[in-house]
Amino acid sequence: PRLELRPARGRSASLIAAVKAGDLDAALVAQP
């Protein structure tokens, strides 16, 4: 209950880039 999930949407490539950049903690994507 003390964990906040902040979802973000996008395409696989942009979400992967956001994880690499540290803008997202993780992403559910299609693996290249």
PDB file of all heavy atoms in Angstrom:
ATOM      1  N   PRO A   1       0.797  -1.230   0.000  1.00  0.00           N
ATOM      2  CA  PRO A   1       0.000   0.000   0.000  1.00  0.00           C
ATOM      3  C   PRO A   1       0.830   1.280   0.000  1.00  0.00           C
ATOM      4  O   PRO A   1       0.326   2.333  -0.369  1.00  0.00           O
ATOM      5  CB  PRO A   1      -0.842  -0.123   1.272  1.00  0.00           C
ATOM      6  CG  PRO A   1      -0.207  -1.176   2.092  1.00  0.00           C
ATOM      7  CD  PRO A   1       0.577  -2.055   1.183  1.00  0.00           C
ATOM      8  N   ARG A   2       2.091   1.195   0.386  1.00  0.00           N
ATOM      9  CA  ARG A   2       2.932   2.391   0.433  1.00  0.00           C
ATOM     10  C   ARG A   2       3.760   2.567  -0.842  1.00  0.00           C
ATOM     11  O   ARG A   2       4.621   3.429  -0.908  1.00  0.00           O
ATOM     12  CB  ARG A   2       3.827   2.338   1.661  1.00  0.00           C
ATOM     13  CG  ARG A   2       2.977   2.329   2.947  1.00  0.00           C
ATOM     14  CD  ARG A   2       3.779   2.138   4.172  1.00  0.00           C
ATOM     15  NE  ARG A   2       4.551   3.329   4.440  1.00  0.00           N
ATOM     16  CZ  ARG A   2       5.409   3.443   5.414  1.00  0.00           C
ATOM     17  NH1 ARG A   2       5.591   2.442   6.255  1.00  0.00           N
ATOM     18  NH2 ARG A   2       6.090   4.553   5.605  1.00  0.00           N
ATOM     19  N   LEU A   3       3.485   1.737  -1.842  1.00  0.00           N
ATOM     20  CA  LEU A   3       4.178   1.829  -3.124  1.00  0.00           C
ATOM     21  C   LEU A   3       3.275   2.515  -4.142  1.00  0.00           C
ATOM     22  O   LEU A   3       2.116   2.154  -4.305  1.00  0.00           O
ATOM     23  CB  LEU A   3       4.552   0.427  -3.625  1.00  0.00           C
ATOM     24  CG  LEU A   3       5.300   0.367  -4.952  1.00  0.00           C
ATOM     25  CD1 LEU A   3       6.695   0.965  -4.807  1.00  0.00           C
ATOM     26  CD2 LEU A   3       5.391  -1.069  -5.426  1.00  0.00           C
ATOM     27  N   GLU A   4       3.812   3.500  -4.817  1.00  0.00           N
ATOM     28  CA  GLU A   4       3.047   4.218  -5.838  1.00  0.00           C
ATOM     29  C   GLU A   4       3.547   3.782  -7.217  1.00  0.00           C
ATOM     30  O   GLU A   4       4.737   3.852  -7.512  1.00  0.00           O
ATOM     31  CB  GLU A   4       3.254   5.727  -5.694  1.00  0.00           C
ATOM     32  CG  GLU A   4       2.579   6.532  -6.769  1.00  0.00           C
ATOM     33  CD  GLU A   4       3.005   7.996  -6.761  1.00  0.00           C
ATOM     34  OE1 GLU A   4       3.909   8.376  -5.997  1.00  0.00           O
ATOM     35  OE2 GLU A   4       2.431   8.756  -7.564  1.00  0.00           O
ATOM     36  N   LEU A   5       2.645   3.305  -8.049  1.00  0.00           N
ATOM     37  CA  LEU A   5       2.986   2.926  -9.416  1.00  0.00           C
ATOM     38  C   LEU A   5       2.635   4.089 -10.326  1.00  0.00           C
ATOM     39  O   LEU A   5       1.492   4.548 -10.350  1.00  0.00           O
ATOM     40  CB  LEU A   5       2.210   1.673  -9.834  1.00  0.00           C
ATOM     41  CG  LEU A   5       2.517   1.159 -11.236  1.00  0.00           C
ATOM     42  CD1 LEU A   5       3.967   0.706 -11.345  1.00  0.00           C
ATOM     43  CD2 LEU A   5       1.583   0.015 -11.584  1.00  0.00           C
ATOM     44  N   ARG A   6       3.625   4.574 -11.058  1.00  0.00           N
ATOM     45  CA  ARG A   6       3.414   5.685 -11.985  1.00  0.00           C
ATOM     46  C   ARG A   6       3.587   5.161 -13.410  1.00  0.00           C
ATOM     47  O   ARG A   6       4.714   5.075 -13.903  1.00  0.00           O
ATOM     48  CB  ARG A   6       4.385   6.812 -11.672  1.00  0.00           C
ATOM     49  CG  ARG A   6       4.085   7.426 -10.316  1.00  0.00           C
ATOM     50  CD  ARG A   6       4.906   8.632  -9.936  1.00  0.00           C
ATOM     51  NE  ARG A   6       5.832   9.134 -10.908  1.00  0.00           N
ATOM     52  CZ  ARG A   6       7.000   9.662 -10.603  1.00  0.00           C
ATOM     53  NH1 ARG A   6       7.387   9.757  -9.349  1.00  0.00           N
ATOM     54  NH2 ARG A   6       7.796  10.112 -11.549  1.00  0.00           N
ATOM     55  N   PRO A   7       2.490   4.791 -14.065  1.00  0.00           N
ATOM     56  CA  PRO A   7       2.591   4.228 -15.417  1.00  0.00           C
ATOM     57  C   PRO A   7       2.853   5.295 -16.468  1.00  0.00           C
ATOM     58  O   PRO A   7       2.441   6.444 -16.337  1.00  0.00           O
ATOM     59  CB  PRO A   7       1.236   3.563 -15.632  1.00  0.00           C
ATOM     60  CG  PRO A   7       0.306   4.236 -14.694  1.00  0.00           C
ATOM     61  CD  PRO A   7       1.121   4.769 -13.553  1.00  0.00           C
ATOM     62  N   ALA A   8       3.555   4.868 -17.497  1.00  0.00           N
ATOM     63  CA  ALA A   8       3.796   5.718 -18.662  1.00  0.00           C
ATOM     64  C   ALA A   8       3.574   4.852 -19.891  1.00  0.00           C
ATOM     65  O   ALA A   8       3.841   3.656 -19.854  1.00  0.00           O
ATOM     66  CB  ALA A   8       5.228   6.255 -18.644  1.00  0.00           C
ATOM     67  N   ARG A   9       3.061   5.453 -20.960  1.00  0.00           N
ATOM     68  CA  ARG A   9       2.818   4.659 -22.153  1.00  0.00           C
ATOM     69  C   ARG A   9       3.699   5.146 -23.283  1.00  0.00           C
ATOM     70  O   ARG A   9       4.183   6.275 -23.288  1.00  0.00           O
ATOM     71  CB  ARG A   9       1.356   4.704 -22.537  1.00  0.00           C
ATOM     72  CG  ARG A   9       0.884   6.042 -23.000  1.00  0.00           C
ATOM     73  CD  ARG A   9      -0.551   5.963 -23.422  1.00  0.00           C
ATOM     74  NE  ARG A   9      -0.987   7.275 -23.868  1.00  0.00           N
ATOM     75  CZ  ARG A   9      -2.191   7.725 -23.727  1.00  0.00           C
ATOM     76  NH1 ARG A   9      -3.092   6.974 -23.144  1.00  0.00           N
ATOM     77  NH2 ARG A   9      -2.508   8.916 -24.156  1.00  0.00           N
ATOM     78  N   GLY A  10       3.881   4.260 -24.230  1.00  0.00           N
ATOM     79  CA  GLY A  10       4.691   4.608 -25.395  1.00  0.00           C
ATOM     80  C   GLY A  10       4.940   3.382 -26.242  1.00  0.00           C
ATOM     81  O   GLY A  10       4.365   2.315 -26.012  1.00  0.00           O
ATOM     82  N   ARG A  11       5.825   3.523 -27.190  1.00  0.00           N
ATOM     83  CA  ARG A  11       6.224   2.406 -28.041  1.00  0.00           C
ATOM     84  C   ARG A  11       7.458   1.755 -27.437  1.00  0.00           C
ATOM     85  O   ARG A  11       8.184   2.380 -26.665  1.00  0.00           O
ATOM     86  CB  ARG A  11       6.506   2.890 -29.448  1.00  0.00           C
ATOM     87  CG  ARG A  11       5.259   3.427 -30.122  1.00  0.00           C
ATOM     88  CD  ARG A  11       5.574   3.980 -31.483  1.00  0.00           C
ATOM     89  NE  ARG A  11       4.365   4.509 -32.074  1.00  0.00           N
ATOM     90  CZ  ARG A  11       3.871   4.072 -33.211  1.00  0.00           C
ATOM     91  NH1 ARG A  11       4.472   3.138 -33.887  1.00  0.00           N
ATOM     92  NH2 ARG A  11       2.759   4.596 -33.681  1.00  0.00           N
ATOM     93  N   SER A  12       7.691   0.519 -27.813  1.00  0.00           N
ATOM     94  CA  SER A  12       8.793  -0.236 -27.226  1.00  0.00           C
ATOM     95  C   SER A  12      10.120   0.502 -27.281  1.00  0.00           C
ATOM     96  O   SER A  12      10.818   0.622 -26.275  1.00  0.00           O
ATOM     97  CB  SER A  12       8.934  -1.608 -27.900  1.00  0.00           C
ATOM     98  OG  SER A  12       7.853  -2.436 -27.570  1.00  0.00           O
ATOM     99  N   ALA A  13      10.485   1.016 -28.464  1.00  0.00           N
ATOM    100  CA  ALA A  13      11.787   1.677 -28.619  1.00  0.00           C
ATOM    101  C   ALA A  13      11.931   2.880 -27.689  1.00  0.00           C
ATOM    102  O   ALA A  13      12.977   3.062 -27.047  1.00  0.00           O
ATOM    103  CB  ALA A  13      11.993   2.091 -30.076  1.00  0.00           C
ATOM    104  N   SER A  14      10.894   3.715 -27.605  1.00  0.00           N
ATOM    105  CA  SER A  14      10.999   4.907 -26.753  1.00  0.00           C
ATOM    106  C   SER A  14      10.998   4.531 -25.271  1.00  0.00           C
ATOM    107  O   SER A  14      11.678   5.169 -24.462  1.00  0.00           O
ATOM    108  CB  SER A  14       9.883   5.896 -27.063  1.00  0.00           C
ATOM    109  OG  SER A  14       8.619   5.328 -26.774  1.00  0.00           O
ATOM    110  N   LEU A  15      10.257   3.492 -24.904  1.00  0.00           N
ATOM    111  CA  LEU A  15      10.253   3.061 -23.502  1.00  0.00           C
ATOM    112  C   LEU A  15      11.594   2.465 -23.100  1.00  0.00           C
ATOM    113  O   LEU A  15      12.097   2.712 -21.999  1.00  0.00           O
ATOM    114  CB  LEU A  15       9.113   2.066 -23.250  1.00  0.00           C
ATOM    115  CG  LEU A  15       7.689   2.633 -23.378  1.00  0.00           C
ATOM    116  CD1 LEU A  15       6.663   1.517 -23.290  1.00  0.00           C
ATOM    117  CD2 LEU A  15       7.434   3.701 -22.328  1.00  0.00           C
ATOM    118  N   ILE A  16      12.194   1.677 -23.995  1.00  0.00           N
ATOM    119  CA  ILE A  16      13.527   1.117 -23.716  1.00  0.00           C
ATOM    120  C   ILE A  16      14.541   2.237 -23.547  1.00  0.00           C
ATOM    121  O   ILE A  16      15.363   2.222 -22.622  1.00  0.00           O
ATOM    122  CB  ILE A  16      13.947   0.141 -24.838  1.00  0.00           C
ATOM    123  CG1 ILE A  16      13.065  -1.117 -24.803  1.00  0.00           C
ATOM    124  CG2 ILE A  16      15.419  -0.236 -24.714  1.00  0.00           C
ATOM    125  CD1 ILE A  16      13.204  -2.022 -26.022  1.00  0.00           C
ATOM    126  N   ALA A  17      14.473   3.228 -24.417  1.00  0.00           N
ATOM    127  CA  ALA A  17      15.380   4.375 -24.313  1.00  0.00           C
ATOM    128  C   ALA A  17      15.176   5.119 -22.991  1.00  0.00           C
ATOM    129  O   ALA A  17      16.145   5.556 -22.363  1.00  0.00           O
ATOM    130  CB  ALA A  17      15.166   5.319 -25.498  1.00  0.00           C
ATOM    131  N   ALA A  18      13.927   5.235 -22.549  1.00  0.00           N
ATOM    132  CA  ALA A  18      13.637   5.921 -21.280  1.00  0.00           C
ATOM    133  C   ALA A  18      14.195   5.137 -20.085  1.00  0.00           C
ATOM    134  O   ALA A  18      14.671   5.735 -19.114  1.00  0.00           O
ATOM    135  CB  ALA A  18      12.128   6.126 -21.130  1.00  0.00           C
ATOM    136  N   VAL A  19      14.161   3.808 -20.148  1.00  0.00           N
ATOM    137  CA  VAL A  19      14.744   3.006 -19.076  1.00  0.00           C
ATOM    138  C   VAL A  19      16.258   3.199 -19.064  1.00  0.00           C
ATOM    139  O   VAL A  19      16.863   3.413 -18.004  1.00  0.00           O
ATOM    140  CB  VAL A  19      14.376   1.507 -19.219  1.00  0.00           C
ATOM    141  CG1 VAL A  19      15.154   0.659 -18.226  1.00  0.00           C
ATOM    142  CG2 VAL A  19      12.881   1.300 -19.020  1.00  0.00           C
ATOM    143  N   LYS A  20      16.881   3.145 -20.228  1.00  0.00           N
ATOM    144  CA  LYS A  20      18.333   3.347 -20.316  1.00  0.00           C
ATOM    145  C   LYS A  20      18.745   4.717 -19.794  1.00  0.00           C
ATOM    146  O   LYS A  20      19.774   4.869 -19.148  1.00  0.00           O
ATOM    147  CB  LYS A  20      18.804   3.209 -21.766  1.00  0.00           C
ATOM    148  CG  LYS A  20      18.816   1.794 -22.276  1.00  0.00           C
ATOM    149  CD  LYS A  20      19.303   1.804 -23.731  1.00  0.00           C
ATOM    150  CE  LYS A  20      19.219   0.456 -24.364  1.00  0.00           C
ATOM    151  NZ  LYS A  20      19.619   0.483 -25.786  1.00  0.00           N
ATOM    152  N   ALA A  21      17.900   5.729 -20.058  1.00  0.00           N
ATOM    153  CA  ALA A  21      18.211   7.103 -19.629  1.00  0.00           C
ATOM    154  C   ALA A  21      17.893   7.338 -18.157  1.00  0.00           C
ATOM    155  O   ALA A  21      18.248   8.377 -17.608  1.00  0.00           O
ATOM    156  CB  ALA A  21      17.428   8.097 -20.496  1.00  0.00           C
ATOM    157  N   GLY A  22      17.207   6.389 -17.520  1.00  0.00           N
ATOM    158  CA  GLY A  22      16.860   6.559 -16.116  1.00  0.00           C
ATOM    159  C   GLY A  22      15.552   7.292 -15.897  1.00  0.00           C
ATOM    160  O   GLY A  22      15.199   7.607 -14.763  1.00  0.00           O
ATOM    161  N   ASP A  23      14.817   7.560 -16.968  1.00  0.00           N
ATOM    162  CA  ASP A  23      13.531   8.243 -16.838  1.00  0.00           C
ATOM    163  C   ASP A  23      12.428   7.286 -16.391  1.00  0.00           C
ATOM    164  O   ASP A  23      11.408   7.722 -15.856  1.00  0.00           O
ATOM    165  CB  ASP A  23      13.138   8.897 -18.161  1.00  0.00           C
ATOM    166  CG  ASP A  23      14.132   9.984 -18.563  1.00  0.00           C
ATOM    167  OD1 ASP A  23      14.708  10.619 -17.664  1.00  0.00           O
ATOM    168  OD2 ASP A  23      14.328  10.171 -19.775  1.00  0.00           O
ATOM    169  N   LEU A  24      12.606   5.989 -16.640  1.00  0.00           N
ATOM    170  CA  LEU A  24      11.689   4.949 -16.173  1.00  0.00           C
ATOM    171  C   LEU A  24      12.490   3.913 -15.397  1.00  0.00           C
ATOM    172  O   LEU A  24      13.667   3.689 -15.680  1.00  0.00           O
ATOM    173  CB  LEU A  24      10.995   4.260 -17.364  1.00  0.00           C
ATOM    174  CG  LEU A  24      10.001   5.057 -18.172  1.00  0.00           C
ATOM    175  CD1 LEU A  24       9.531   4.240 -19.382  1.00  0.00           C
ATOM    176  CD2 LEU A  24       8.802   5.456 -17.315  1.00  0.00           C
ATOM    177  N   ASP A  25      11.839   3.281 -14.434  1.00  0.00           N
ATOM    178  CA  ASP A  25      12.502   2.222 -13.670  1.00  0.00           C
ATOM    179  C   ASP A  25      12.475   0.892 -14.420  1.00  0.00           C
ATOM    180  O   ASP A  25      13.401   0.086 -14.316  1.00  0.00           O
ATOM    181  CB  ASP A  25      11.824   2.058 -12.305  1.00  0.00           C
ATOM    182  CG  ASP A  25      11.946   3.317 -11.470  1.00  0.00           C
ATOM    183  OD1 ASP A  25      13.084   3.802 -11.296  1.00  0.00           O
ATOM    184  OD2 ASP A  25      10.898   3.821 -11.006  1.00  0.00           O
ATOM    185  N   ALA A  26      11.397   0.640 -15.136  1.00  0.00           N
ATOM    186  CA  ALA A  26      11.233  -0.599 -15.894  1.00  0.00           C
ATOM    187  C   ALA A  26      10.173  -0.354 -16.961  1.00  0.00           C
ATOM    188  O   ALA A  26       9.438   0.627 -16.901  1.00  0.00           O
ATOM    189  CB  ALA A  26      10.798  -1.732 -14.976  1.00  0.00           C
ATOM    190  N   ALA A  27      10.101  -1.270 -17.915  1.00  0.00           N
ATOM    191  CA  ALA A  27       9.098  -1.138 -18.974  1.00  0.00           C
ATOM    192  C   ALA A  27       8.691  -2.514 -19.468  1.00  0.00           C
ATOM    193  O   ALA A  27       9.521  -3.403 -19.604  1.00  0.00           O
ATOM    194  CB  ALA A  27       9.635  -0.295 -20.125  1.00  0.00           C
ATOM    195  N   LEU A  28       7.406  -2.667 -19.718  1.00  0.00           N
ATOM    196  CA  LEU A  28       6.856  -3.870 -20.322  1.00  0.00           C
ATOM    197  C   LEU A  28       6.776  -3.598 -21.819  1.00  0.00           C
ATOM    198  O   LEU A  28       5.958  -2.804 -22.271  1.00  0.00           O
ATOM    199  CB  LEU A  28       5.469  -4.175 -19.751  1.00  0.00           C
ATOM    200  CG  LEU A  28       4.821  -5.468 -20.215  1.00  0.00           C
ATOM    201  CD1 LEU A  28       5.656  -6.672 -19.814  1.00  0.00           C
ATOM    202  CD2 LEU A  28       3.432  -5.591 -19.620  1.00  0.00           C
ATOM    203  N   VAL A  29       7.685  -4.221 -22.575  1.00  0.00           N
ATOM    204  CA  VAL A  29       7.836  -3.928 -23.998  1.00  0.00           C
ATOM    205  C   VAL A  29       8.027  -5.222 -24.783  1.00  0.00           C
ATOM    206  O   VAL A  29       8.216  -6.291 -24.206  1.00  0.00           O
ATOM    207  CB  VAL A  29       9.069  -3.018 -24.238  1.00  0.00           C
ATOM    208  CG1 VAL A  29       8.901  -1.674 -23.566  1.00  0.00           C
ATOM    209  CG2 VAL A  29      10.343  -3.695 -23.774  1.00  0.00           C
ATOM    210  N   ALA A  30       8.017  -5.092 -26.094  1.00  0.00           N
ATOM    211  CA  ALA A  30       8.400  -6.193 -26.971  1.00  0.00           C
ATOM    212  C   ALA A  30       9.922  -6.158 -27.083  1.00  0.00           C
ATOM    213  O   ALA A  30      10.489  -5.128 -27.453  1.00  0.00           O
ATOM    214  CB  ALA A  30       7.752  -6.028 -28.334  1.00  0.00           C
ATOM    215  N   GLN A  31      10.574  -7.267 -26.733  1.00  0.00           N
ATOM    216  CA  GLN A  31      12.034  -7.297 -26.781  1.00  0.00           C
ATOM    217  C   GLN A  31      12.496  -7.252 -28.238  1.00  0.00           C
ATOM    218  O   GLN A  31      11.963  -7.977 -29.081  1.00  0.00           O
ATOM    219  CB  GLN A  31      12.573  -8.551 -26.107  1.00  0.00           C
ATOM    220  CG  GLN A  31      14.089  -8.573 -26.021  1.00  0.00           C
ATOM    221  CD  GLN A  31      14.614  -9.756 -25.229  1.00  0.00           C
ATOM    222  OE1 GLN A  31      13.849 -10.555 -24.717  1.00  0.00           O
ATOM    223  NE2 GLN A  31      15.913  -9.867 -25.126  1.00  0.00           N
ATOM    224  N   PRO A  32      13.467  -6.418 -28.542  1.00  0.00           N
ATOM    225  CA  PRO A  32      13.952  -6.327 -29.923  1.00  0.00           C
ATOM    226  C   PRO A  32      14.505  -7.674 -30.396  1.00  0.00           C
ATOM    227  O   PRO A  32      15.017  -8.457 -29.601  1.00  0.00           O
ATOM    228  CB  PRO A  32      15.070  -5.283 -29.842  1.00  0.00           C
ATOM    229  CG  PRO A  32      14.834  -4.548 -28.579  1.00  0.00           C
ATOM    230  CD  PRO A  32      14.138  -5.498 -27.654  1.00  0.00           C
TER     231      PRO A  32
END
